[in-house]
Structures are given as C-alpha cells and as structure tokens.
Amino acid sequence: MNPRAAMDRHSLLATPLACFSLGGLMLLGLAPALANESLRSTFPGRRIGGGSRGECAARLVINLVPSSSVFASGSDDLLAVLQGPSPDPRPLEIAFSAYDAAAGGAGTRVGQQVIPAGAASLVLLRSRASARPLLWESSYQCDADADVDELSFISSEAPPAMSLLVADAQPDDAALQSTLSAWTGSCGGQLATQTVLRTAGLKGLDVSQWPEELPVVCAF
C-alpha cells in the first residue's frame, strides 16, 4: 500500500476514536463529573474567613462545607454560615458569582444577600442560583478601622470565607445536605455549639468565648 494512503487511512480511523473520547464521556455523563473532580482538587478556597487585625475583621465567619471548601448543595440548595461572637456585630454579606475555572477567580456576580448584624449564630440560606460552578463568599461589612496604621503590613480588611458550589455530589456532600435539611426544623430556635462544630469538622476551633448554644437564623 502507498505509504501516504496508509497514513490517511490511519488518520481516518483515529479521528472518530478521538472524537469518542470526549463525546462518549459527555454521553455517559462523565465529563461534568471529571470537571468537578478537577475543581475539588485545585480550588484555592478557604472555608474560614476573618481573623485579621481590627475588631470587625477579627470576627470569624465560616462556610459550613467539607474541608476542601467545595460543596454540592443538591436540589434543596441549602447552605450554612457560622458567625462567631463579637462585641460589635456587623451585617453579614453573602455573595455568589460565576466561577471562571480558567482564570481561577470570580466572574459575573449572580446574587447577593445581606444578613442583619447579630450575635454568634448559625445562618441557613439558599444561593437562589442554578449556575455551577458558583463561587460563594461570606464576609462582614466592616468600616475602615481607624486604629490600624495605614502603613501596617497587616490589613484590617477581613478575608472572606470562600467556597465553591458544584453540581456533582460526593458522600460527604450528601451527609451534609441531610444535616442541613434537619437543621431547618430548628429555625428560630437553637442548636448546641459543639454539635454544629463537630458536624463541620471544626474540632480545633477555640470556642471559649462562644455561647453553648447558637441561634438558628433561617434567611430563606
């Protein structure tokens, strides 16, 4: 056989196979799962925000998600934020933005919610957005801290808790979804602080200044 003809024949055979490698995965529903798996291992999130210099910026805010800070919220789309104690509470701002995986950052903002200032509490809410992956940021609306030197290398601006919402659920996600659903029965009531911390896998957190029970605020 002519070498060129043999090469052309090989190319024709290889092309459909190459197409199938992606198309087949999409038909089998595996492409989104593989994409989510990649995001779970590369997303540079942090589920605990705050802890900076300044009274407001030092207050902890925690997205209750797996330690990877990546979470599939499921059809109920229930989310939870834990607010630490503070002598001067400020409003809690929740922001949702499309996630640009290629750029590794936030895209267009698709939703925002402000929770009135309050004491240490567990806040339950929904993103109200169907887009996934979705960047979820929680932070307090802090004023400029006049006590912090403007030349200081330590910023008074609190880093937000930052998590990623994806579509494909893993066992840890399913367990947390179930727990959050059960917690909606405590809206307007209270939950034991240690119970909430154990569920969130926050065993090493210093809660000496926290109340023994947390009010459950449902901001649906």
C-alpha atoms as a PDB file:
ATOM      1  CA  MET A   1       0.000   0.000   0.000  1.00  0.00           C
ATOM      2  CA  ASN A   2       1.117   3.548  -0.749  1.00  0.00           C
ATOM      3  CA  PRO A   3       2.641   4.999   2.458  1.00  0.00           C
ATOM      4  CA  ARG A   4       0.617   8.205   2.092  1.00  0.00           C
ATOM      5  CA  ALA A   5      -2.600   6.230   1.629  1.00  0.00           C
ATOM      6  CA  ALA A   6      -1.781   4.167   4.707  1.00  0.00           C
ATOM      7  CA  MET A   7      -1.239   7.363   6.714  1.00  0.00           C
ATOM      8  CA  ASP A   8      -4.535   8.846   5.510  1.00  0.00           C
ATOM      9  CA  ARG A   9      -6.343   5.590   6.393  1.00  0.00           C
ATOM     10  CA  HIS A  10      -4.802   5.695   9.893  1.00  0.00           C
ATOM     11  CA  SER A  11      -5.914   9.322  10.346  1.00  0.00           C
ATOM     12  CA  LEU A  12      -9.475   8.481   9.338  1.00  0.00           C
ATOM     13  CA  LEU A  13      -9.587   5.663  11.862  1.00  0.00           C
ATOM     14  CA  ALA A  14      -8.059   7.724  14.638  1.00  0.00           C
ATOM     15  CA  THR A  15     -10.332  10.760  14.242  1.00  0.00           C
ATOM     16  CA  PRO A  16     -13.609   9.057  15.252  1.00  0.00           C
ATOM     17  CA  LEU A  17     -11.837   7.464  18.227  1.00  0.00           C
ATOM     18  CA  ALA A  18     -10.529  10.835  19.346  1.00  0.00           C
ATOM     19  CA  CYS A  19     -13.988  12.326  19.000  1.00  0.00           C
ATOM     20  CA  PHE A  20     -15.481   9.494  21.006  1.00  0.00           C
ATOM     21  CA  SER A  21     -13.046  10.063  23.862  1.00  0.00           C
ATOM     22  CA  LEU A  22     -14.796  13.362  24.637  1.00  0.00           C
ATOM     23  CA  GLY A  23     -18.186  12.809  23.064  1.00  0.00           C
ATOM     24  CA  GLY A  24     -18.528   9.390  24.681  1.00  0.00           C
ATOM     25  CA  LEU A  25     -17.727  10.802  28.076  1.00  0.00           C
ATOM     26  CA  MET A  26     -20.346  13.512  27.598  1.00  0.00           C
ATOM     27  CA  LEU A  27     -22.972  10.964  26.549  1.00  0.00           C
ATOM     28  CA  LEU A  28     -22.163   8.882  29.603  1.00  0.00           C
ATOM     29  CA  GLY A  29     -22.389  11.931  31.845  1.00  0.00           C
ATOM     30  CA  LEU A  30     -18.752  11.566  32.899  1.00  0.00           C
ATOM     31  CA  ALA A  31     -17.374  14.850  31.569  1.00  0.00           C
ATOM     32  CA  PRO A  32     -19.102  17.055  34.201  1.00  0.00           C
ATOM     33  CA  ALA A  33     -18.049  14.642  36.941  1.00  0.00           C
ATOM     34  CA  LEU A  34     -14.413  14.766  35.817  1.00  0.00           C
ATOM     35  CA  ALA A  35     -14.573  18.568  35.645  1.00  0.00           C
ATOM     36  CA  ASN A  36     -15.947  18.757  39.187  1.00  0.00           C
ATOM     37  CA  GLU A  37     -13.284  16.336  40.424  1.00  0.00           C
ATOM     38  CA  SER A  38     -10.616  18.601  38.977  1.00  0.00           C
ATOM     39  CA  LEU A  39     -12.135  21.647  40.687  1.00  0.00           C
ATOM     40  CA  ARG A  40     -12.247  19.809  44.019  1.00  0.00           C
ATOM     41  CA  SER A  41      -8.504  19.231  43.889  1.00  0.00           C
ATOM     42  CA  THR A  42      -7.451  22.641  42.550  1.00  0.00           C
ATOM     43  CA  PHE A  43      -9.893  25.200  44.006  1.00  0.00           C
ATOM     44  CA  PRO A  44      -7.896  27.585  46.274  1.00  0.00           C
ATOM     45  CA  GLY A  45     -10.734  28.207  48.723  1.00  0.00           C
ATOM     46  CA  ARG A  46     -10.878  28.748  52.458  1.00  0.00           C
ATOM     47  CA  ARG A  47     -13.985  27.951  54.438  1.00  0.00           C
ATOM     48  CA  ILE A  48     -12.925  30.142  57.408  1.00  0.00           C
ATOM     49  CA  GLY A  49     -12.748  33.917  56.988  1.00  0.00           C
ATOM     50  CA  GLY A  50     -11.884  36.740  59.361  1.00  0.00           C
ATOM     51  CA  GLY A  51      -9.127  36.544  61.920  1.00  0.00           C
ATOM     52  CA  SER A  52      -7.461  39.750  60.687  1.00  0.00           C
ATOM     53  CA  ARG A  53      -6.387  42.773  62.687  1.00  0.00           C
ATOM     54  CA  GLY A  54      -9.199  45.040  63.843  1.00  0.00           C
ATOM     55  CA  GLU A  55     -12.302  44.258  65.873  1.00  0.00           C
ATOM     56  CA  CYS A  56     -14.681  43.673  62.971  1.00  0.00           C
ATOM     57  CA  ALA A  57     -12.107  41.961  60.758  1.00  0.00           C
ATOM     58  CA  ALA A  58     -11.132  39.585  63.553  1.00  0.00           C
ATOM     59  CA  ARG A  59     -14.623  38.086  63.825  1.00  0.00           C
ATOM     60  CA  LEU A  60     -14.774  34.584  62.386  1.00  0.00           C
ATOM     61  CA  VAL A  61     -17.130  33.693  59.575  1.00  0.00           C
ATOM     62  CA  ILE A  62     -17.264  30.065  58.458  1.00  0.00           C
ATOM     63  CA  ASN A  63     -18.913  28.476  55.446  1.00  0.00           C
ATOM     64  CA  LEU A  64     -20.112  25.067  56.635  1.00  0.00           C
ATOM     65  CA  VAL A  65     -18.715  22.930  53.832  1.00  0.00           C
ATOM     66  CA  PRO A  66     -16.274  19.990  53.596  1.00  0.00           C
ATOM     67  CA  SER A  67     -12.637  20.796  54.390  1.00  0.00           C
ATOM     68  CA  SER A  68     -11.863  21.162  50.669  1.00  0.00           C
ATOM     69  CA  SER A  69     -14.231  24.166  50.682  1.00  0.00           C
ATOM     70  CA  VAL A  70     -16.045  22.599  47.718  1.00  0.00           C
ATOM     71  CA  PHE A  71     -19.666  21.557  48.190  1.00  0.00           C
ATOM     72  CA  ALA A  72     -22.565  20.199  46.128  1.00  0.00           C
ATOM     73  CA  SER A  73     -25.695  21.659  47.741  1.00  0.00           C
ATOM     74  CA  GLY A  74     -28.140  19.387  45.887  1.00  0.00           C
ATOM     75  CA  SER A  75     -31.694  20.104  44.798  1.00  0.00           C
ATOM     76  CA  ASP A  76     -32.613  21.815  48.096  1.00  0.00           C
ATOM     77  CA  ASP A  77     -29.682  24.223  47.664  1.00  0.00           C
ATOM     78  CA  LEU A  78     -29.319  24.629  51.439  1.00  0.00           C
ATOM     79  CA  LEU A  79     -26.201  26.401  52.702  1.00  0.00           C
ATOM     80  CA  ALA A  80     -25.000  27.313  56.191  1.00  0.00           C
ATOM     81  CA  VAL A  81     -22.753  30.040  57.573  1.00  0.00           C
ATOM     82  CA  LEU A  82     -21.432  30.128  61.126  1.00  0.00           C
ATOM     83  CA  GLN A  83     -20.910  33.559  62.707  1.00  0.00           C
ATOM     84  CA  GLY A  84     -18.527  33.861  65.622  1.00  0.00           C
ATOM     85  CA  PRO A  85     -19.115  36.085  68.647  1.00  0.00           C
ATOM     86  CA  SER A  86     -18.380  39.827  68.529  1.00  0.00           C
ATOM     87  CA  PRO A  87     -18.876  42.794  70.891  1.00  0.00           C
ATOM     88  CA  ASP A  88     -19.812  44.932  67.884  1.00  0.00           C
ATOM     89  CA  PRO A  89     -21.639  42.788  65.285  1.00  0.00           C
ATOM     90  CA  ARG A  90     -21.807  43.978  61.682  1.00  0.00           C
ATOM     91  CA  PRO A  91     -24.050  42.837  58.801  1.00  0.00           C
ATOM     92  CA  LEU A  92     -23.011  39.621  57.078  1.00  0.00           C
ATOM     93  CA  GLU A  93     -22.730  39.842  53.302  1.00  0.00           C
ATOM     94  CA  ILE A  94     -23.142  36.709  51.194  1.00  0.00           C
ATOM     95  CA  ALA A  95     -22.124  36.962  47.539  1.00  0.00           C
ATOM     96  CA  PHE A  96     -22.412  34.448  44.700  1.00  0.00           C
ATOM     97  CA  SER A  97     -20.504  34.764  41.428  1.00  0.00           C
ATOM     98  CA  ALA A  98     -19.973  32.625  38.373  1.00  0.00           C
ATOM     99  CA  TYR A  99     -16.629  30.852  38.719  1.00  0.00           C
ATOM    100  CA  ASP A 100     -14.122  31.188  35.927  1.00  0.00           C
ATOM    101  CA  ALA A 101     -12.124  27.975  36.242  1.00  0.00           C
ATOM    102  CA  ALA A 102      -9.641  29.017  33.567  1.00  0.00           C
ATOM    103  CA  ALA A 103      -8.827  32.288  35.309  1.00  0.00           C
ATOM    104  CA  GLY A 104      -9.197  30.756  38.782  1.00  0.00           C
ATOM    105  CA  GLY A 105     -11.416  33.540  40.071  1.00  0.00           C
ATOM    106  CA  ALA A 106     -14.810  35.185  40.209  1.00  0.00           C
ATOM    107  CA  GLY A 107     -16.761  36.064  37.111  1.00  0.00           C
ATOM    108  CA  THR A 108     -20.102  37.842  36.942  1.00  0.00           C
ATOM    109  CA  ARG A 109     -21.893  38.274  40.268  1.00  0.00           C
ATOM    110  CA  VAL A 110     -25.238  36.472  40.127  1.00  0.00           C
ATOM    111  CA  GLY A 111     -26.599  37.007  43.633  1.00  0.00           C
ATOM    112  CA  GLN A 112     -26.115  38.768  46.942  1.00  0.00           C
ATOM    113  CA  GLN A 113     -27.773  38.684  50.349  1.00  0.00           C
ATOM    114  CA  VAL A 114     -27.159  40.737  53.481  1.00  0.00           C
ATOM    115  CA  ILE A 115     -27.948  39.239  56.883  1.00  0.00           C
ATOM    116  CA  PRO A 116     -28.633  41.890  59.578  1.00  0.00           C
ATOM    117  CA  ALA A 117     -25.981  42.238  62.266  1.00  0.00           C
ATOM    118  CA  GLY A 118     -26.400  39.726  65.054  1.00  0.00           C
ATOM    119  CA  ALA A 119     -24.709  37.678  67.731  1.00  0.00           C
ATOM    120  CA  ALA A 120     -22.920  34.365  67.222  1.00  0.00           C
ATOM    121  CA  SER A 121     -25.308  32.223  65.213  1.00  0.00           C
ATOM    122  CA  LEU A 122     -25.890  29.609  62.545  1.00  0.00           C
ATOM    123  CA  VAL A 123     -27.370  31.094  59.375  1.00  0.00           C
ATOM    124  CA  LEU A 124     -29.186  28.867  56.874  1.00  0.00           C
ATOM    125  CA  LEU A 125     -29.821  30.199  53.377  1.00  0.00           C
ATOM    126  CA  ARG A 126     -30.025  29.333  49.685  1.00  0.00           C
ATOM    127  CA  SER A 127     -27.937  30.597  46.784  1.00  0.00           C
ATOM    128  CA  ARG A 128     -31.021  31.006  44.558  1.00  0.00           C
ATOM    129  CA  ALA A 129     -28.779  30.436  41.546  1.00  0.00           C
ATOM    130  CA  SER A 130     -28.736  27.385  39.314  1.00  0.00           C
ATOM    131  CA  ALA A 131     -25.311  28.051  37.769  1.00  0.00           C
ATOM    132  CA  ARG A 132     -22.492  25.715  38.751  1.00  0.00           C
ATOM    133  CA  PRO A 133     -19.629  26.044  39.484  1.00  0.00           C
ATOM    134  CA  LEU A 134     -20.553  29.005  41.681  1.00  0.00           C
ATOM    135  CA  LEU A 135     -18.185  31.000  43.877  1.00  0.00           C
ATOM    136  CA  TRP A 136     -19.607  31.664  47.363  1.00  0.00           C
ATOM    137  CA  GLU A 137     -18.063  34.361  49.575  1.00  0.00           C
ATOM    138  CA  SER A 138     -19.111  35.334  53.111  1.00  0.00           C
ATOM    139  CA  SER A 139     -17.772  38.426  54.875  1.00  0.00           C
ATOM    140  CA  TYR A 140     -18.790  41.208  57.256  1.00  0.00           C
ATOM    141  CA  GLN A 141     -19.468  44.758  56.167  1.00  0.00           C
ATOM    142  CA  CYS A 142     -16.655  46.325  58.184  1.00  0.00           C
ATOM    143  CA  ASP A 143     -15.938  50.050  58.332  1.00  0.00           C
ATOM    144  CA  ALA A 144     -12.381  51.281  57.919  1.00  0.00           C
ATOM    145  CA  ASP A 145     -10.555  50.633  61.164  1.00  0.00           C
ATOM    146  CA  ALA A 146      -9.055  53.930  62.366  1.00  0.00           C
ATOM    147  CA  ASP A 147      -6.923  52.105  64.926  1.00  0.00           C
ATOM    148  CA  VAL A 148      -4.890  50.311  62.267  1.00  0.00           C
ATOM    149  CA  ASP A 149      -1.821  52.160  60.992  1.00  0.00           C
ATOM    150  CA  GLU A 150      -2.212  52.836  57.282  1.00  0.00           C
ATOM    151  CA  LEU A 151       1.405  51.781  56.790  1.00  0.00           C
ATOM    152  CA  SER A 152       0.890  48.494  58.619  1.00  0.00           C
ATOM    153  CA  PHE A 153       1.636  45.337  56.685  1.00  0.00           C
ATOM    154  CA  ILE A 154      -1.317  43.694  58.442  1.00  0.00           C
ATOM    155  CA  SER A 155      -4.529  44.656  56.716  1.00  0.00           C
ATOM    156  CA  SER A 156      -7.662  45.468  58.700  1.00  0.00           C
ATOM    157  CA  GLU A 157      -9.775  44.080  55.877  1.00  0.00           C
ATOM    158  CA  ALA A 158     -11.039  40.600  56.732  1.00  0.00           C
ATOM    159  CA  PRO A 159     -10.504  37.880  54.143  1.00  0.00           C
ATOM    160  CA  PRO A 160     -13.875  36.320  53.266  1.00  0.00           C
ATOM    161  CA  ALA A 161     -14.766  32.701  53.719  1.00  0.00           C
ATOM    162  CA  MET A 162     -14.633  31.441  50.143  1.00  0.00           C
ATOM    163  CA  SER A 163     -16.153  28.204  48.850  1.00  0.00           C
ATOM    164  CA  LEU A 164     -17.132  26.649  45.552  1.00  0.00           C
ATOM    165  CA  LEU A 165     -20.532  25.145  44.797  1.00  0.00           C
ATOM    166  CA  VAL A 166     -20.540  22.331  42.232  1.00  0.00           C
ATOM    167  CA  ALA A 167     -23.164  20.021  40.771  1.00  0.00           C
ATOM    168  CA  ASP A 168     -21.716  16.558  41.286  1.00  0.00           C
ATOM    169  CA  ALA A 169     -22.217  15.308  44.868  1.00  0.00           C
ATOM    170  CA  GLN A 170     -19.861  13.059  46.825  1.00  0.00           C
ATOM    171  CA  PRO A 171     -20.682  11.127  50.031  1.00  0.00           C
ATOM    172  CA  ASP A 172     -19.520  13.995  52.274  1.00  0.00           C
ATOM    173  CA  ASP A 173     -21.818  16.350  50.395  1.00  0.00           C
ATOM    174  CA  ALA A 174     -24.825  14.053  50.750  1.00  0.00           C
ATOM    175  CA  ALA A 175     -24.281  13.704  54.502  1.00  0.00           C
ATOM    176  CA  LEU A 176     -24.042  17.477  54.954  1.00  0.00           C
ATOM    177  CA  GLN A 177     -27.111  18.051  52.783  1.00  0.00           C
ATOM    178  CA  SER A 178     -29.080  15.735  55.078  1.00  0.00           C
ATOM    179  CA  THR A 179     -27.846  17.526  58.201  1.00  0.00           C
ATOM    180  CA  LEU A 180     -28.686  20.989  56.860  1.00  0.00           C
ATOM    181  CA  SER A 181     -32.168  19.791  55.941  1.00  0.00           C
ATOM    182  CA  ALA A 182     -32.668  18.512  59.501  1.00  0.00           C
ATOM    183  CA  TRP A 183     -31.448  21.834  60.918  1.00  0.00           C
ATOM    184  CA  THR A 184     -34.229  23.731  59.158  1.00  0.00           C
ATOM    185  CA  GLY A 185     -36.506  22.244  61.820  1.00  0.00           C
ATOM    186  CA  SER A 186     -34.665  24.427  64.351  1.00  0.00           C
ATOM    187  CA  CYS A 187     -35.323  27.741  62.567  1.00  0.00           C
ATOM    188  CA  GLY A 188     -35.935  30.370  65.233  1.00  0.00           C
ATOM    189  CA  GLY A 189     -34.580  28.009  67.892  1.00  0.00           C
ATOM    190  CA  GLN A 190     -31.097  26.972  68.936  1.00  0.00           C
ATOM    191  CA  LEU A 191     -28.562  24.205  68.360  1.00  0.00           C
ATOM    192  CA  ALA A 192     -25.721  23.113  70.626  1.00  0.00           C
ATOM    193  CA  THR A 193     -22.499  24.820  69.530  1.00  0.00           C
ATOM    194  CA  GLN A 194     -20.437  21.639  69.884  1.00  0.00           C
ATOM    195  CA  THR A 195     -22.893  19.719  67.704  1.00  0.00           C
ATOM    196  CA  VAL A 196     -22.540  22.281  64.930  1.00  0.00           C
ATOM    197  CA  LEU A 197     -18.749  22.332  65.198  1.00  0.00           C
ATOM    198  CA  ARG A 198     -18.475  18.532  65.090  1.00  0.00           C
ATOM    199  CA  THR A 199     -20.683  18.412  62.020  1.00  0.00           C
ATOM    200  CA  ALA A 200     -18.480  20.990  60.331  1.00  0.00           C
ATOM    201  CA  GLY A 201     -15.271  19.172  61.298  1.00  0.00           C
ATOM    202  CA  LEU A 202     -14.027  22.184  63.269  1.00  0.00           C
ATOM    203  CA  LYS A 203     -12.744  20.350  66.327  1.00  0.00           C
ATOM    204  CA  GLY A 204      -9.651  22.516  66.797  1.00  0.00           C
ATOM    205  CA  LEU A 205     -11.501  25.833  66.847  1.00  0.00           C
ATOM    206  CA  ASP A 206     -11.176  27.887  70.043  1.00  0.00           C
ATOM    207  CA  VAL A 207     -14.746  28.419  71.234  1.00  0.00           C
ATOM    208  CA  SER A 208     -14.005  29.523  74.798  1.00  0.00           C
ATOM    209  CA  GLN A 209     -15.800  32.802  74.131  1.00  0.00           C
ATOM    210  CA  TRP A 210     -18.704  31.235  72.246  1.00  0.00           C
ATOM    211  CA  PRO A 211     -22.142  30.568  73.751  1.00  0.00           C
ATOM    212  CA  GLU A 212     -23.090  26.960  74.489  1.00  0.00           C
ATOM    213  CA  GLU A 213     -25.987  27.211  72.036  1.00  0.00           C
ATOM    214  CA  LEU A 214     -26.290  29.019  68.715  1.00  0.00           C
ATOM    215  CA  PRO A 215     -29.465  30.722  67.468  1.00  0.00           C
ATOM    216  CA  VAL A 216     -30.557  29.312  64.105  1.00  0.00           C
ATOM    217  CA  VAL A 217     -31.323  32.117  61.647  1.00  0.00           C
ATOM    218  CA  CYS A 218     -33.152  30.965  58.511  1.00  0.00           C
ATOM    219  CA  ALA A 219     -32.736  33.562  55.758  1.00  0.00           C
ATOM    220  CA  PHE A 220     -34.720  31.873  53.007  1.00  0.00           C
END
